[in-house]
Amino acid sequence: MAILSWGKPKIETAVCKDGMAGTDWTPIDTPQQDTTNLNPTSGDTTDAQEEGGDIVDSRTAKTTYEFEFTLFVKKGGKRPFEDDDGVVSGEHAFRLTPEDEACEGILIDRATVRLEEQFNTANGKLLHYIARCLKPTTGKTIKPYVKTATVQG
């Protein structure tokens, strides 16, 4: 058992409904090694400065996020999203389950998606997906996710 949320992730997607993740999750093929990333961008900081440069007060805007992964284009494979020159219509949800399913993963209720098609001779044709994470109807933009065990009976 792992202690960290690392290793080969399982990524699933669902159509976003009413600003929240839908319930019909579809698995996405295993991404290219080391291409699955959640990238934060720190919010802007605004300082109130008095003469002489001392800071009297400060406020920081919320962090924003992009979730990205790259897929190999495999013979006979199906793309996870339809696109029009890189633009994927609608809003989509994502959840990432770490290799050890008891470790904490990621839930993104709402995101817009774009595609950057790539090619190189070492890896062939690649699909690089970037999901711009949006504020959901309730809760935080990025939520913890731990796969729950199902009871069989």
N, C-alpha and C. Protein backbone atom coordinates (compact mmCIF):
# COMPACT_ATOMS: atom_id res chain seq x y z
N MET A 1 0.83 -1.18 0.00
CA MET A 1 0.00 0.00 0.00
C MET A 1 0.89 1.25 0.00
N ALA A 2 0.47 2.22 -0.74
CA ALA A 2 1.21 3.47 -0.85
C ALA A 2 0.82 4.43 0.28
N ILE A 3 1.69 5.35 0.55
CA ILE A 3 1.40 6.43 1.48
C ILE A 3 1.04 7.68 0.69
N LEU A 4 1.60 7.81 -0.52
CA LEU A 4 1.41 8.99 -1.36
C LEU A 4 0.45 8.71 -2.51
N SER A 5 -0.14 9.78 -3.04
CA SER A 5 -1.07 9.68 -4.19
C SER A 5 -0.29 9.73 -5.49
N TRP A 6 0.60 8.79 -5.68
CA TRP A 6 1.41 8.80 -6.89
C TRP A 6 1.22 7.53 -7.68
N GLY A 7 1.92 7.43 -8.78
CA GLY A 7 1.82 6.24 -9.61
C GLY A 7 0.83 6.41 -10.74
N LYS A 8 0.49 5.30 -11.35
CA LYS A 8 -0.40 5.29 -12.52
C LYS A 8 -1.82 5.69 -12.11
N PRO A 9 -2.30 6.85 -12.59
CA PRO A 9 -3.63 7.30 -12.19
C PRO A 9 -4.72 6.73 -13.08
N LYS A 10 -5.92 6.67 -12.54
CA LYS A 10 -7.11 6.37 -13.33
C LYS A 10 -7.86 7.68 -13.48
N ILE A 11 -8.10 8.10 -14.72
CA ILE A 11 -8.83 9.35 -14.98
C ILE A 11 -10.18 9.00 -15.56
N GLU A 12 -11.22 9.64 -15.05
CA GLU A 12 -12.57 9.46 -15.56
C GLU A 12 -13.17 10.83 -15.84
N THR A 13 -14.13 10.87 -16.75
CA THR A 13 -14.80 12.13 -17.07
C THR A 13 -16.31 11.92 -17.10
N ALA A 14 -17.03 12.98 -16.85
CA ALA A 14 -18.49 12.99 -16.92
C ALA A 14 -18.92 14.34 -17.45
N VAL A 15 -20.08 14.39 -18.05
CA VAL A 15 -20.62 15.66 -18.52
C VAL A 15 -21.06 16.45 -17.29
N CYS A 16 -20.74 17.73 -17.26
CA CYS A 16 -21.13 18.60 -16.16
C CYS A 16 -22.60 18.95 -16.30
N LYS A 17 -23.34 18.86 -15.20
CA LYS A 17 -24.77 19.18 -15.19
C LYS A 17 -25.07 20.18 -14.08
N ASP A 18 -25.67 21.30 -14.44
CA ASP A 18 -26.06 22.32 -13.46
C ASP A 18 -24.89 22.75 -12.59
N GLY A 19 -23.71 22.87 -13.19
CA GLY A 19 -22.55 23.37 -12.46
C GLY A 19 -21.89 22.36 -11.55
N MET A 20 -22.28 21.09 -11.65
CA MET A 20 -21.69 20.05 -10.82
C MET A 20 -21.39 18.82 -11.68
N ALA A 21 -20.56 17.91 -11.17
CA ALA A 21 -20.21 16.69 -11.89
C ALA A 21 -21.44 15.83 -12.08
N GLY A 22 -21.56 15.25 -13.27
CA GLY A 22 -22.64 14.31 -13.53
C GLY A 22 -22.35 12.99 -12.81
N THR A 23 -23.20 12.00 -13.03
CA THR A 23 -23.05 10.73 -12.33
C THR A 23 -22.61 9.60 -13.25
N ASP A 24 -22.57 9.84 -14.55
CA ASP A 24 -22.20 8.81 -15.52
C ASP A 24 -20.74 8.99 -15.91
N TRP A 25 -19.83 8.32 -15.18
CA TRP A 25 -18.40 8.48 -15.37
C TRP A 25 -17.88 7.53 -16.43
N THR A 26 -17.05 8.05 -17.33
CA THR A 26 -16.44 7.27 -18.40
C THR A 26 -14.93 7.27 -18.21
N PRO A 27 -14.30 6.09 -18.19
CA PRO A 27 -12.84 6.06 -18.04
C PRO A 27 -12.14 6.59 -19.29
N ILE A 28 -11.01 7.23 -19.05
CA ILE A 28 -10.14 7.73 -20.13
C ILE A 28 -8.94 6.82 -20.18
N ASP A 29 -8.42 6.56 -21.38
CA ASP A 29 -7.26 5.70 -21.57
C ASP A 29 -6.09 6.18 -20.70
N THR A 30 -5.17 5.29 -20.39
CA THR A 30 -4.01 5.64 -19.57
C THR A 30 -3.16 6.67 -20.30
N PRO A 31 -2.85 7.80 -19.64
CA PRO A 31 -2.05 8.85 -20.28
C PRO A 31 -0.59 8.45 -20.47
N GLN A 32 0.08 9.21 -21.32
CA GLN A 32 1.52 9.08 -21.50
C GLN A 32 2.20 9.34 -20.16
N GLN A 33 3.29 8.64 -19.89
CA GLN A 33 3.98 8.77 -18.61
C GLN A 33 4.35 10.21 -18.30
N ASP A 34 4.10 10.61 -17.06
CA ASP A 34 4.47 11.91 -16.49
C ASP A 34 3.82 13.11 -17.18
N THR A 35 2.64 12.92 -17.80
CA THR A 35 1.95 14.05 -18.44
C THR A 35 0.69 14.47 -17.69
N THR A 36 0.28 13.73 -16.67
CA THR A 36 -0.91 14.09 -15.91
C THR A 36 -0.51 15.07 -14.82
N ASN A 37 -1.04 16.29 -14.92
CA ASN A 37 -0.66 17.35 -13.99
C ASN A 37 -1.85 18.21 -13.61
N LEU A 38 -1.86 18.65 -12.37
CA LEU A 38 -2.77 19.70 -11.91
C LEU A 38 -1.89 20.92 -11.67
N ASN A 39 -2.10 21.96 -12.48
CA ASN A 39 -1.23 23.14 -12.45
C ASN A 39 -1.95 24.32 -11.81
N PRO A 40 -1.49 24.77 -10.63
CA PRO A 40 -2.09 25.94 -10.00
C PRO A 40 -1.45 27.24 -10.50
N THR A 41 -2.24 28.28 -10.54
CA THR A 41 -1.74 29.63 -10.79
C THR A 41 -2.19 30.48 -9.61
N SER A 42 -1.23 30.99 -8.87
CA SER A 42 -1.57 31.79 -7.68
C SER A 42 -2.36 33.03 -8.07
N GLY A 43 -3.31 33.37 -7.22
CA GLY A 43 -4.09 34.59 -7.46
C GLY A 43 -3.24 35.82 -7.26
N ASP A 44 -3.63 36.91 -7.91
CA ASP A 44 -2.91 38.18 -7.78
C ASP A 44 -3.01 38.71 -6.35
N THR A 45 -1.92 39.30 -5.90
CA THR A 45 -1.90 39.92 -4.58
C THR A 45 -1.96 41.44 -4.75
N THR A 46 -2.85 42.06 -4.00
CA THR A 46 -2.96 43.52 -4.00
C THR A 46 -2.53 44.03 -2.64
N ASP A 47 -1.56 44.92 -2.64
CA ASP A 47 -1.06 45.49 -1.38
C ASP A 47 -1.49 46.94 -1.25
N ALA A 48 -1.84 47.33 -0.03
CA ALA A 48 -2.08 48.74 0.29
C ALA A 48 -0.80 49.25 0.96
N GLN A 49 -0.13 50.16 0.26
CA GLN A 49 1.14 50.65 0.77
C GLN A 49 1.03 52.11 1.19
N GLU A 50 1.69 52.42 2.28
CA GLU A 50 1.76 53.81 2.70
C GLU A 50 3.07 54.41 2.20
N GLU A 51 3.18 55.70 2.28
CA GLU A 51 4.42 56.37 1.87
C GLU A 51 5.60 55.71 2.56
N GLY A 52 6.65 55.48 1.82
CA GLY A 52 7.84 54.81 2.34
C GLY A 52 7.85 53.34 1.99
N GLY A 53 6.71 52.81 1.47
CA GLY A 53 6.67 51.44 0.98
C GLY A 53 6.20 50.38 1.95
N ASP A 54 5.91 50.76 3.20
CA ASP A 54 5.42 49.75 4.13
C ASP A 54 4.02 49.28 3.72
N ILE A 55 3.78 47.99 3.90
CA ILE A 55 2.48 47.42 3.55
C ILE A 55 1.56 47.51 4.76
N VAL A 56 0.42 48.18 4.55
CA VAL A 56 -0.57 48.35 5.60
C VAL A 56 -1.54 47.16 5.62
N ASP A 57 -1.89 46.70 4.45
CA ASP A 57 -2.81 45.57 4.34
C ASP A 57 -2.54 44.88 3.00
N SER A 58 -3.04 43.65 2.89
CA SER A 58 -2.82 42.88 1.67
C SER A 58 -3.96 41.90 1.48
N ARG A 59 -4.32 41.66 0.22
CA ARG A 59 -5.34 40.65 -0.08
C ARG A 59 -4.88 39.88 -1.32
N THR A 60 -5.27 38.62 -1.35
CA THR A 60 -4.87 37.74 -2.45
C THR A 60 -6.11 37.10 -3.06
N ALA A 61 -6.17 37.10 -4.38
CA ALA A 61 -7.26 36.44 -5.09
C ALA A 61 -7.05 34.93 -5.03
N LYS A 62 -8.11 34.17 -5.31
CA LYS A 62 -8.05 32.71 -5.25
C LYS A 62 -7.14 32.15 -6.35
N THR A 63 -6.60 30.99 -6.06
CA THR A 63 -5.79 30.25 -7.02
C THR A 63 -6.69 29.68 -8.11
N THR A 64 -6.21 29.65 -9.35
CA THR A 64 -6.91 29.00 -10.45
C THR A 64 -6.13 27.75 -10.85
N TYR A 65 -6.80 26.84 -11.59
CA TYR A 65 -6.18 25.55 -11.90
C TYR A 65 -6.42 25.13 -13.34
N GLU A 66 -5.45 24.39 -13.88
CA GLU A 66 -5.61 23.67 -15.14
C GLU A 66 -5.17 22.23 -14.89
N PHE A 67 -5.96 21.31 -15.41
CA PHE A 67 -5.68 19.88 -15.32
C PHE A 67 -5.33 19.40 -16.71
N GLU A 68 -4.20 18.73 -16.87
CA GLU A 68 -3.77 18.33 -18.21
C GLU A 68 -3.26 16.90 -18.22
N PHE A 69 -3.37 16.28 -19.39
CA PHE A 69 -2.85 14.94 -19.62
C PHE A 69 -2.70 14.74 -21.12
N THR A 70 -1.83 13.82 -21.50
CA THR A 70 -1.57 13.54 -22.91
C THR A 70 -1.84 12.07 -23.17
N LEU A 71 -2.58 11.81 -24.26
CA LEU A 71 -2.92 10.44 -24.65
C LEU A 71 -2.24 10.08 -25.96
N PHE A 72 -1.82 8.83 -26.08
CA PHE A 72 -1.33 8.32 -27.35
C PHE A 72 -2.53 8.09 -28.26
N VAL A 73 -2.37 8.33 -29.56
CA VAL A 73 -3.39 7.96 -30.54
C VAL A 73 -3.05 6.54 -30.96
N LYS A 74 -3.91 5.61 -30.54
CA LYS A 74 -3.68 4.19 -30.79
C LYS A 74 -4.57 3.71 -31.93
N LYS A 75 -4.08 2.79 -32.69
CA LYS A 75 -4.84 2.22 -33.81
C LYS A 75 -6.18 1.68 -33.28
N GLY A 76 -7.29 2.15 -33.86
CA GLY A 76 -8.61 1.70 -33.47
C GLY A 76 -9.13 2.33 -32.18
N GLY A 77 -8.34 3.21 -31.57
CA GLY A 77 -8.75 3.84 -30.31
C GLY A 77 -9.81 4.92 -30.52
N LYS A 78 -10.54 5.23 -29.46
CA LYS A 78 -11.58 6.26 -29.51
C LYS A 78 -11.15 7.45 -28.67
N ARG A 79 -11.33 8.63 -29.21
CA ARG A 79 -11.00 9.86 -28.47
C ARG A 79 -12.03 10.08 -27.36
N PRO A 80 -11.59 10.60 -26.21
CA PRO A 80 -12.54 10.81 -25.11
C PRO A 80 -13.48 11.99 -25.34
N PHE A 81 -13.11 12.92 -26.24
CA PHE A 81 -13.93 14.11 -26.50
C PHE A 81 -13.92 14.40 -28.00
N GLU A 82 -15.03 14.87 -28.50
CA GLU A 82 -15.10 15.40 -29.86
C GLU A 82 -14.65 16.85 -29.80
N ASP A 83 -13.91 17.29 -30.83
CA ASP A 83 -13.45 18.67 -30.82
C ASP A 83 -13.62 19.28 -32.20
N ASP A 84 -13.60 20.60 -32.25
CA ASP A 84 -13.62 21.36 -33.50
C ASP A 84 -12.37 22.22 -33.51
N ASP A 85 -11.32 21.76 -34.18
CA ASP A 85 -10.03 22.44 -34.19
C ASP A 85 -9.55 22.78 -32.78
N GLY A 86 -9.64 21.79 -31.91
CA GLY A 86 -9.13 21.95 -30.55
C GLY A 86 -10.13 22.40 -29.52
N VAL A 87 -11.29 22.86 -29.94
CA VAL A 87 -12.31 23.33 -28.99
C VAL A 87 -13.28 22.18 -28.69
N VAL A 88 -13.38 21.83 -27.42
CA VAL A 88 -14.31 20.79 -26.98
C VAL A 88 -15.52 21.51 -26.40
N SER A 89 -16.70 21.21 -26.94
CA SER A 89 -17.90 21.93 -26.50
C SER A 89 -18.38 21.43 -25.14
N GLY A 90 -19.13 22.28 -24.46
CA GLY A 90 -19.73 21.92 -23.18
C GLY A 90 -18.77 22.02 -22.02
N GLU A 91 -19.27 21.60 -20.87
CA GLU A 91 -18.47 21.57 -19.65
C GLU A 91 -18.36 20.13 -19.18
N HIS A 92 -17.20 19.80 -18.62
CA HIS A 92 -16.92 18.42 -18.26
C HIS A 92 -16.37 18.36 -16.84
N ALA A 93 -16.60 17.22 -16.19
CA ALA A 93 -16.07 16.95 -14.86
C ALA A 93 -14.97 15.89 -14.98
N PHE A 94 -14.05 15.89 -14.02
CA PHE A 94 -12.97 14.91 -14.00
C PHE A 94 -12.77 14.40 -12.59
N ARG A 95 -12.40 13.15 -12.50
CA ARG A 95 -11.91 12.63 -11.22
C ARG A 95 -10.70 11.76 -11.49
N LEU A 96 -9.74 11.88 -10.60
CA LEU A 96 -8.49 11.15 -10.70
C LEU A 96 -8.36 10.26 -9.47
N THR A 97 -8.20 8.98 -9.71
CA THR A 97 -7.97 8.01 -8.64
C THR A 97 -6.51 7.59 -8.71
N PRO A 98 -5.76 7.75 -7.62
CA PRO A 98 -4.36 7.32 -7.63
C PRO A 98 -4.24 5.80 -7.77
N GLU A 99 -3.02 5.35 -8.04
CA GLU A 99 -2.76 3.92 -8.17
C GLU A 99 -3.25 3.15 -6.95
N ASP A 100 -2.97 3.67 -5.76
CA ASP A 100 -3.52 3.11 -4.52
C ASP A 100 -4.84 3.84 -4.27
N GLU A 101 -5.94 3.14 -4.48
CA GLU A 101 -7.27 3.76 -4.43
C GLU A 101 -7.65 4.28 -3.04
N ALA A 102 -6.91 3.91 -2.01
CA ALA A 102 -7.18 4.41 -0.67
C ALA A 102 -6.55 5.78 -0.44
N CYS A 103 -5.67 6.20 -1.35
CA CYS A 103 -5.04 7.53 -1.24
C CYS A 103 -5.94 8.59 -1.85
N GLU A 104 -5.72 9.83 -1.47
CA GLU A 104 -6.56 10.94 -1.93
C GLU A 104 -6.24 11.32 -3.36
N GLY A 105 -7.29 11.42 -4.16
CA GLY A 105 -7.18 11.86 -5.54
C GLY A 105 -7.79 13.24 -5.72
N ILE A 106 -8.32 13.50 -6.91
CA ILE A 106 -8.83 14.83 -7.27
C ILE A 106 -10.22 14.69 -7.88
N LEU A 107 -11.10 15.61 -7.51
CA LEU A 107 -12.41 15.74 -8.14
C LEU A 107 -12.56 17.16 -8.66
N ILE A 108 -12.86 17.29 -9.94
CA ILE A 108 -13.12 18.59 -10.58
C ILE A 108 -14.54 18.53 -11.11
N ASP A 109 -15.45 19.29 -10.50
CA ASP A 109 -16.86 19.25 -10.87
C ASP A 109 -17.15 19.91 -12.21
N ARG A 110 -16.34 20.90 -12.58
CA ARG A 110 -16.70 21.72 -13.74
C ARG A 110 -15.44 22.25 -14.40
N ALA A 111 -15.35 22.04 -15.73
CA ALA A 111 -14.18 22.51 -16.48
C ALA A 111 -14.53 22.64 -17.96
N THR A 112 -13.82 23.55 -18.63
CA THR A 112 -13.86 23.60 -20.08
C THR A 112 -12.60 22.91 -20.57
N VAL A 113 -12.68 22.31 -21.77
CA VAL A 113 -11.58 21.48 -22.25
C VAL A 113 -11.14 21.96 -23.63
N ARG A 114 -9.82 21.94 -23.84
CA ARG A 114 -9.28 22.19 -25.17
C ARG A 114 -8.28 21.09 -25.50
N LEU A 115 -8.02 20.92 -26.79
CA LEU A 115 -7.12 19.88 -27.27
C LEU A 115 -6.02 20.50 -28.10
N GLU A 116 -4.80 20.07 -27.87
CA GLU A 116 -3.66 20.45 -28.70
C GLU A 116 -3.11 19.15 -29.28
N GLU A 117 -3.35 18.91 -30.58
CA GLU A 117 -2.82 17.71 -31.22
C GLU A 117 -1.34 17.90 -31.49
N GLN A 118 -0.56 16.85 -31.23
CA GLN A 118 0.89 16.92 -31.37
C GLN A 118 1.38 15.69 -32.14
N PHE A 119 2.58 15.79 -32.66
CA PHE A 119 3.23 14.65 -33.29
C PHE A 119 4.73 14.79 -33.13
N ASN A 120 5.38 13.68 -32.79
CA ASN A 120 6.83 13.61 -32.86
C ASN A 120 7.21 12.17 -33.19
N THR A 121 8.37 11.99 -33.76
CA THR A 121 8.77 10.67 -34.23
C THR A 121 9.02 9.68 -33.10
N ALA A 122 9.32 10.16 -31.91
CA ALA A 122 9.57 9.27 -30.77
C ALA A 122 8.28 8.64 -30.24
N ASN A 123 7.16 9.41 -30.27
CA ASN A 123 5.92 8.94 -29.66
C ASN A 123 4.75 8.84 -30.62
N GLY A 124 4.89 9.35 -31.83
CA GLY A 124 3.77 9.33 -32.77
C GLY A 124 2.80 10.47 -32.49
N LYS A 125 1.55 10.26 -32.88
CA LYS A 125 0.53 11.29 -32.69
C LYS A 125 0.04 11.27 -31.25
N LEU A 126 -0.08 12.46 -30.67
CA LEU A 126 -0.49 12.63 -29.28
C LEU A 126 -1.64 13.61 -29.18
N LEU A 127 -2.49 13.40 -28.18
CA LEU A 127 -3.59 14.31 -27.88
C LEU A 127 -3.34 14.90 -26.50
N HIS A 128 -3.02 16.19 -26.46
CA HIS A 128 -2.75 16.87 -25.19
C HIS A 128 -4.01 17.65 -24.79
N TYR A 129 -4.68 17.19 -23.73
CA TYR A 129 -5.91 17.82 -23.26
C TYR A 129 -5.61 18.74 -22.08
N ILE A 130 -6.21 19.92 -22.10
CA ILE A 130 -6.07 20.90 -21.02
C ILE A 130 -7.47 21.28 -20.56
N ALA A 131 -7.75 21.05 -19.29
CA ALA A 131 -9.04 21.39 -18.71
C ALA A 131 -8.88 22.61 -17.81
N ARG A 132 -9.54 23.68 -18.16
CA ARG A 132 -9.53 24.91 -17.35
C ARG A 132 -10.61 24.74 -16.30
N CYS A 133 -10.21 24.63 -15.05
CA CYS A 133 -11.14 24.34 -13.96
C CYS A 133 -11.96 25.57 -13.60
N LEU A 134 -13.27 25.37 -13.48
CA LEU A 134 -14.21 26.45 -13.19
C LEU A 134 -14.84 26.24 -11.82
N LYS A 135 -15.32 27.32 -11.23
CA LYS A 135 -15.98 27.24 -9.93
C LYS A 135 -17.29 26.47 -10.09
N PRO A 136 -17.50 25.44 -9.27
CA PRO A 136 -18.74 24.69 -9.35
C PRO A 136 -19.87 25.41 -8.61
N THR A 137 -21.07 24.86 -8.69
CA THR A 137 -22.22 25.44 -8.00
C THR A 137 -21.98 25.53 -6.50
N THR A 138 -21.39 24.49 -5.93
CA THR A 138 -21.08 24.50 -4.50
C THR A 138 -19.68 23.95 -4.28
N GLY A 139 -19.04 24.42 -3.25
CA GLY A 139 -17.73 23.89 -2.86
C GLY A 139 -16.58 24.51 -3.62
N LYS A 140 -15.42 23.91 -3.40
CA LYS A 140 -14.18 24.40 -3.99
C LYS A 140 -14.02 23.91 -5.43
N THR A 141 -13.14 24.57 -6.16
CA THR A 141 -12.86 24.21 -7.55
C THR A 141 -12.21 22.84 -7.62
N ILE A 142 -11.26 22.56 -6.74
CA ILE A 142 -10.58 21.27 -6.66
C ILE A 142 -10.96 20.64 -5.33
N LYS A 143 -11.53 19.43 -5.40
CA LYS A 143 -11.98 18.74 -4.19
C LYS A 143 -11.21 17.43 -4.03
N PRO A 144 -11.02 16.99 -2.79
CA PRO A 144 -10.39 15.68 -2.59
C PRO A 144 -11.35 14.58 -3.03
N TYR A 145 -10.80 13.48 -3.55
CA TYR A 145 -11.61 12.34 -3.97
C TYR A 145 -10.91 11.06 -3.54
N VAL A 146 -11.64 10.21 -2.82
CA VAL A 146 -11.14 8.89 -2.46
C VAL A 146 -12.19 7.90 -2.91
N LYS A 147 -11.77 6.95 -3.71
CA LYS A 147 -12.70 5.93 -4.20
C LYS A 147 -13.21 5.12 -3.02
N THR A 148 -14.52 5.00 -2.93
CA THR A 148 -15.11 4.26 -1.81
C THR A 148 -15.28 2.80 -2.20
N ALA A 149 -15.08 1.93 -1.27
CA ALA A 149 -15.24 0.51 -1.53
C ALA A 149 -16.71 0.18 -1.67
N THR A 150 -17.04 -0.65 -2.63
CA THR A 150 -18.42 -1.06 -2.81
C THR A 150 -18.69 -2.33 -2.02
N VAL A 151 -19.86 -2.43 -1.44
CA VAL A 151 -20.25 -3.58 -0.67
C VAL A 151 -20.93 -4.58 -1.59
N GLN A 152 -20.42 -5.80 -1.61
CA GLN A 152 -21.03 -6.84 -2.45
C GLN A 152 -21.83 -7.78 -1.56
N GLY A 153 -22.99 -8.14 -2.06
CA GLY A 153 -23.79 -8.99 -1.19
C GLY A 153 -24.76 -9.78 -1.88
